[in-house]
Amino acid sequence: MTIVIHPDDEIDPAWAAASSLSEVSALAQAGRTVMVTLPEDETEAVAAAAAFAWAGATVFRTTHQVRQALDMTEVLLGRRSPALTRRGLA
């Protein structure tokens, strides 16, 4: 389950903050709930959100709409089913 919060929202003390992919990966493998703060630039935020989600982060602090990128990453990881499934026929 992915959580998107505003930078001003309170954080749960049980969440572990991380700032690099290796940190996120190590904390996620240890079973921790990992929180990352995304960059202010929207393009960078979407790219960083997808990479951090792939590495195991589940809580994202951002002011941008990155939900679609996070949902797509969860589908690719098999954590949720796609919102729409199409079958390609030639």
C-alpha atoms as a PDB file:
ATOM      1  CA  MET A   1       0.000   0.000   0.000  1.00  0.00           C
ATOM      2  CA  THR A   2       1.369   3.391  -0.996  1.00  0.00           C
ATOM      3  CA  ILE A   3       0.761   6.525   1.061  1.00  0.00           C
ATOM      4  CA  VAL A   4       1.175  10.043  -0.357  1.00  0.00           C
ATOM      5  CA  ILE A   5       1.358  12.837   2.215  1.00  0.00           C
ATOM      6  CA  HIS A   6       1.926  16.589   2.059  1.00  0.00           C
ATOM      7  CA  PRO A   7       5.324  17.818   3.321  1.00  0.00           C
ATOM      8  CA  ASP A   8       3.573  19.663   6.162  1.00  0.00           C
ATOM      9  CA  ASP A   9       1.702  16.571   7.399  1.00  0.00           C
ATOM     10  CA  GLU A  10       2.821  14.811  10.540  1.00  0.00           C
ATOM     11  CA  ILE A  11       4.804  11.634  10.081  1.00  0.00           C
ATOM     12  CA  ASP A  12       4.511   8.390  11.981  1.00  0.00           C
ATOM     13  CA  PRO A  13       7.544   7.843  14.241  1.00  0.00           C
ATOM     14  CA  ALA A  14       7.670   4.208  13.083  1.00  0.00           C
ATOM     15  CA  TRP A  15       8.507   5.275   9.515  1.00  0.00           C
ATOM     16  CA  ALA A  16      12.169   5.237   8.520  1.00  0.00           C
ATOM     17  CA  ALA A  17      13.269   8.217   6.400  1.00  0.00           C
ATOM     18  CA  ALA A  18      15.596   7.515   3.479  1.00  0.00           C
ATOM     19  CA  SER A  19      17.224   9.702   0.847  1.00  0.00           C
ATOM     20  CA  SER A  20      18.920   7.268  -1.544  1.00  0.00           C
ATOM     21  CA  LEU A  21      17.918   4.153  -3.442  1.00  0.00           C
ATOM     22  CA  SER A  22      20.402   1.995  -1.535  1.00  0.00           C
ATOM     23  CA  GLU A  23      19.052   3.278   1.778  1.00  0.00           C
ATOM     24  CA  VAL A  24      15.453   2.616   0.697  1.00  0.00           C
ATOM     25  CA  SER A  25      16.332  -0.887  -0.470  1.00  0.00           C
ATOM     26  CA  ALA A  26      18.189  -1.791   2.731  1.00  0.00           C
ATOM     27  CA  LEU A  27      15.431  -0.468   5.001  1.00  0.00           C
ATOM     28  CA  ALA A  28      12.677  -2.154   2.977  1.00  0.00           C
ATOM     29  CA  GLN A  29      14.543  -5.491   3.051  1.00  0.00           C
ATOM     30  CA  ALA A  30      14.784  -5.112   6.827  1.00  0.00           C
ATOM     31  CA  GLY A  31      10.976  -4.875   6.963  1.00  0.00           C
ATOM     32  CA  ARG A  32      10.725  -1.172   7.777  1.00  0.00           C
ATOM     33  CA  THR A  33       8.109   1.237   6.393  1.00  0.00           C
ATOM     34  CA  VAL A  34      10.231   3.627   4.322  1.00  0.00           C
ATOM     35  CA  MET A  35       9.380   7.306   3.773  1.00  0.00           C
ATOM     36  CA  VAL A  36      11.012   9.520   1.151  1.00  0.00           C
ATOM     37  CA  THR A  37      10.678  13.233   0.451  1.00  0.00           C
ATOM     38  CA  LEU A  38      10.421  13.904  -3.269  1.00  0.00           C
ATOM     39  CA  PRO A  39      12.010  16.833  -5.155  1.00  0.00           C
ATOM     40  CA  GLU A  40       9.992  19.980  -5.871  1.00  0.00           C
ATOM     41  CA  ASP A  41      10.317  19.735  -9.656  1.00  0.00           C
ATOM     42  CA  GLU A  42       7.324  17.737 -10.933  1.00  0.00           C
ATOM     43  CA  THR A  43       9.239  15.804 -13.592  1.00  0.00           C
ATOM     44  CA  GLU A  44      11.937  14.833 -11.104  1.00  0.00           C
ATOM     45  CA  ALA A  45       9.297  13.948  -8.498  1.00  0.00           C
ATOM     46  CA  VAL A  46       7.520  11.499 -10.824  1.00  0.00           C
ATOM     47  CA  ALA A  47      10.790   9.807 -11.832  1.00  0.00           C
ATOM     48  CA  ALA A  48      12.050   9.654  -8.242  1.00  0.00           C
ATOM     49  CA  ALA A  49       8.701   8.318  -6.985  1.00  0.00           C
ATOM     50  CA  ALA A  50       8.759   5.423  -9.461  1.00  0.00           C
ATOM     51  CA  ALA A  51      12.389   4.567  -8.626  1.00  0.00           C
ATOM     52  CA  PHE A  52      11.870   4.776  -4.854  1.00  0.00           C
ATOM     53  CA  ALA A  53       8.657   2.722  -5.066  1.00  0.00           C
ATOM     54  CA  TRP A  54      10.498   0.069  -7.064  1.00  0.00           C
ATOM     55  CA  ALA A  55      13.196  -0.012  -4.360  1.00  0.00           C
ATOM     56  CA  GLY A  56      10.572  -0.501  -1.619  1.00  0.00           C
ATOM     57  CA  ALA A  57       9.487   2.907  -0.319  1.00  0.00           C
ATOM     58  CA  THR A  58       5.807   3.103   0.652  1.00  0.00           C
ATOM     59  CA  VAL A  59       5.373   6.636   2.042  1.00  0.00           C
ATOM     60  CA  PHE A  60       6.008   9.680  -0.156  1.00  0.00           C
ATOM     61  CA  ARG A  61       6.124  13.316   0.973  1.00  0.00           C
ATOM     62  CA  THR A  62       5.336  15.602  -1.952  1.00  0.00           C
ATOM     63  CA  THR A  63       3.197  18.499  -3.102  1.00  0.00           C
ATOM     64  CA  HIS A  64       2.892  17.053  -6.622  1.00  0.00           C
ATOM     65  CA  GLN A  65       0.495  14.591  -8.162  1.00  0.00           C
ATOM     66  CA  VAL A  66       2.651  11.499  -8.441  1.00  0.00           C
ATOM     67  CA  ARG A  67      -0.102   9.030  -7.651  1.00  0.00           C
ATOM     68  CA  GLN A  68      -0.342   7.733 -11.252  1.00  0.00           C
ATOM     69  CA  ALA A  69       3.375   6.872 -11.365  1.00  0.00           C
ATOM     70  CA  LEU A  70       3.122   5.125  -7.994  1.00  0.00           C
ATOM     71  CA  ASP A  71       0.025   3.175  -9.062  1.00  0.00           C
ATOM     72  CA  MET A  72       1.789   2.064 -12.248  1.00  0.00           C
ATOM     73  CA  THR A  73       4.817   0.892 -10.263  1.00  0.00           C
ATOM     74  CA  GLU A  74       2.601  -1.106  -7.871  1.00  0.00           C
ATOM     75  CA  VAL A  75       0.948  -2.825 -10.854  1.00  0.00           C
ATOM     76  CA  LEU A  76       4.354  -3.703 -12.336  1.00  0.00           C
ATOM     77  CA  LEU A  77       5.481  -5.111  -8.993  1.00  0.00           C
ATOM     78  CA  GLY A  78       2.280  -7.178  -8.701  1.00  0.00           C
ATOM     79  CA  ARG A  79       1.030  -5.432  -5.555  1.00  0.00           C
ATOM     80  CA  ARG A  80      -2.282  -4.458  -7.175  1.00  0.00           C
ATOM     81  CA  SER A  81      -4.237  -5.235 -10.304  1.00  0.00           C
ATOM     82  CA  PRO A  82      -4.306  -2.821 -13.254  1.00  0.00           C
ATOM     83  CA  ALA A  83      -7.133  -0.285 -13.415  1.00  0.00           C
ATOM     84  CA  LEU A  84      -7.723  -1.241 -17.061  1.00  0.00           C
ATOM     85  CA  THR A  85      -6.652  -4.338 -18.933  1.00  0.00           C
ATOM     86  CA  ARG A  86      -6.546  -4.456 -22.716  1.00  0.00           C
ATOM     87  CA  ARG A  87      -5.634  -7.366 -24.881  1.00  0.00           C
ATOM     88  CA  GLY A  88      -3.677  -6.601 -28.007  1.00  0.00           C
ATOM     89  CA  LEU A  89      -4.996  -8.386 -31.051  1.00  0.00           C
ATOM     90  CA  ALA A  90      -3.218  -8.196 -34.379  1.00  0.00           C
END
